[in-house]
Amino acid sequence: QVQLVESGGGLVQAVGSLRLSCAARGILFSANTMCWYRQAPGKQRELVVIMPSGGSTCYADSVKGRFTISRDSAKNTVYLQMNNLKPEDTAVYYCYRQQLRGGSQYDYWGQGTQVTVSS
């Protein structure tokens, strides 16, 4: 079993910055994909960034050049640095981890952290 613990959300003014963290605890496999999703009020959850362990990182067009995902493998933690924030970035941000082993796929979600950007 895996738990994802998120932190770092909050209230920030437009053009400000925040860094979200997602710490993974439990039985972790090296073959994994980490993602950040977000869900704004009244909207569907959308993918912000995907970072496979053996592939290329891909960002949503809406955050390219402003958001950066990084991974600290020693701490089993993934970060999302968000710069030049805009009011439309306001959402609950979720960390997601997919693990593959023995032909099986395992999916895990964090509890979500609120990001509010004021104009």
Protein backbone atom coordinates (compact mmCIF):
# COMPACT_ATOMS: atom_id res chain seq x y z
CA GLN A 1 0.00 0.00 0.00
CA VAL A 2 1.14 3.54 -0.75
CA GLN A 3 0.17 6.83 0.83
CA LEU A 4 0.72 10.18 -0.82
CA VAL A 5 0.94 13.13 1.53
CA GLU A 6 0.66 16.56 -0.03
CA SER A 7 1.58 19.92 1.38
CA GLY A 8 2.36 23.46 0.31
CA GLY A 9 -0.96 24.82 -0.85
CA GLY A 10 -2.32 28.16 0.27
CA LEU A 11 -3.40 31.62 -0.71
CA VAL A 12 -1.15 33.72 -2.93
CA GLN A 13 -1.52 36.85 -5.01
CA ALA A 14 -1.33 36.74 -8.77
CA VAL A 15 2.24 36.50 -10.18
CA GLY A 16 3.31 34.96 -6.89
CA SER A 17 4.78 31.49 -6.37
CA LEU A 18 4.05 28.34 -4.42
CA ARG A 19 5.75 24.97 -4.14
CA LEU A 20 3.70 21.85 -3.60
CA SER A 21 5.19 18.67 -2.18
CA CYS A 22 4.02 15.08 -2.46
CA ALA A 23 5.73 12.54 -0.21
CA ALA A 24 5.19 8.86 -0.99
CA ARG A 25 5.19 6.37 1.85
CA GLY A 26 4.86 2.62 1.79
CA ILE A 27 5.86 -0.02 -0.72
CA LEU A 28 7.37 1.88 -3.61
CA PHE A 29 8.41 0.45 -6.95
CA SER A 30 11.04 2.05 -9.13
CA ALA A 31 8.87 1.80 -12.24
CA ASN A 32 6.40 4.56 -11.65
CA THR A 33 4.78 7.63 -13.09
CA MET A 34 4.12 10.73 -11.06
CA CYS A 35 1.53 13.33 -11.99
CA TRP A 36 -0.10 16.43 -10.67
CA TYR A 37 -3.77 17.01 -11.44
CA ARG A 38 -6.01 19.88 -10.45
CA GLN A 39 -9.72 20.44 -10.15
CA ALA A 40 -11.31 23.86 -10.10
CA PRO A 41 -14.84 24.41 -8.75
CA GLY A 42 -17.44 23.19 -11.21
CA LYS A 43 -14.83 21.75 -13.57
CA GLN A 44 -13.44 18.33 -14.33
CA ARG A 45 -10.13 17.21 -12.94
CA GLU A 46 -7.37 18.01 -15.41
CA LEU A 47 -3.83 16.81 -15.84
CA VAL A 48 -1.21 19.44 -15.05
CA VAL A 49 2.00 17.49 -15.59
CA ILE A 50 3.09 13.88 -16.05
CA MET A 51 6.59 12.60 -15.21
CA PRO A 52 7.32 8.97 -16.05
CA SER A 53 10.34 7.38 -14.36
CA GLY A 54 11.80 6.44 -17.75
CA GLY A 55 10.32 8.99 -20.08
CA SER A 56 9.84 12.62 -20.88
CA THR A 57 7.98 15.08 -18.71
CA CYS A 58 4.94 16.67 -20.30
CA TYR A 59 3.09 19.77 -19.13
CA ALA A 60 -0.37 21.07 -19.92
CA ASP A 61 -0.20 24.03 -22.27
CA SER A 62 -1.78 26.26 -19.65
CA VAL A 63 1.16 25.85 -17.26
CA LYS A 64 4.14 25.48 -19.61
CA GLY A 65 6.94 27.83 -18.73
CA ARG A 66 5.43 28.58 -15.31
CA PHE A 67 5.27 25.23 -13.50
CA THR A 68 8.14 22.80 -12.95
CA ILE A 69 7.96 19.28 -11.57
CA SER A 70 10.96 17.70 -9.88
CA ARG A 71 11.70 14.52 -7.99
CA ASP A 72 13.90 13.80 -4.97
CA SER A 73 14.26 10.03 -5.12
CA ALA A 74 16.10 9.82 -1.80
CA LYS A 75 13.10 11.38 -0.07
CA ASN A 76 10.48 9.74 -2.30
CA THR A 77 9.08 13.20 -2.82
CA VAL A 78 7.87 15.03 -5.88
CA TYR A 79 7.59 18.81 -6.03
CA LEU A 80 5.59 21.18 -8.17
CA GLN A 81 7.10 24.64 -8.35
CA MET A 82 4.47 27.09 -9.53
CA ASN A 83 5.58 30.55 -10.62
CA ASN A 84 3.75 33.51 -12.09
CA LEU A 85 0.49 32.17 -10.71
CA LYS A 86 -2.78 33.34 -12.21
CA PRO A 87 -6.30 33.39 -10.74
CA GLU A 88 -7.25 30.63 -13.18
CA ASP A 89 -4.72 28.36 -11.46
CA THR A 90 -7.03 28.31 -8.42
CA ALA A 91 -7.95 24.68 -7.78
CA VAL A 92 -7.43 21.70 -5.56
CA TYR A 93 -4.18 20.07 -6.63
CA TYR A 94 -3.81 16.30 -6.43
CA CYS A 95 -0.72 14.16 -6.55
CA TYR A 96 -1.05 10.85 -8.40
CA ARG A 97 1.31 7.88 -8.54
CA GLN A 98 1.08 4.90 -10.84
CA GLN A 99 3.24 1.87 -10.15
CA LEU A 100 3.86 -1.08 -12.43
CA ARG A 101 5.07 -4.48 -11.32
CA GLY A 102 4.59 -7.99 -12.61
CA GLY A 103 2.16 -6.85 -15.26
CA SER A 104 -0.09 -5.15 -12.73
CA GLN A 105 -0.85 -1.46 -12.39
CA TYR A 106 -1.40 0.26 -9.06
CA ASP A 107 -2.88 3.76 -8.80
CA TYR A 108 -2.68 6.07 -5.80
CA TRP A 109 -4.00 9.58 -5.11
CA GLY A 110 -3.12 12.19 -2.55
CA GLN A 111 -5.76 13.93 -0.48
CA GLY A 112 -5.47 17.19 -2.40
CA THR A 113 -4.21 20.61 -1.41
CA GLN A 114 -6.01 23.88 -2.08
CA VAL A 115 -4.31 26.58 -4.11
CA THR A 116 -6.04 29.94 -4.27
CA VAL A 117 -4.68 32.77 -6.39
CA SER A 118 -6.15 36.21 -5.83
CA SER A 119 -6.14 38.92 -8.47
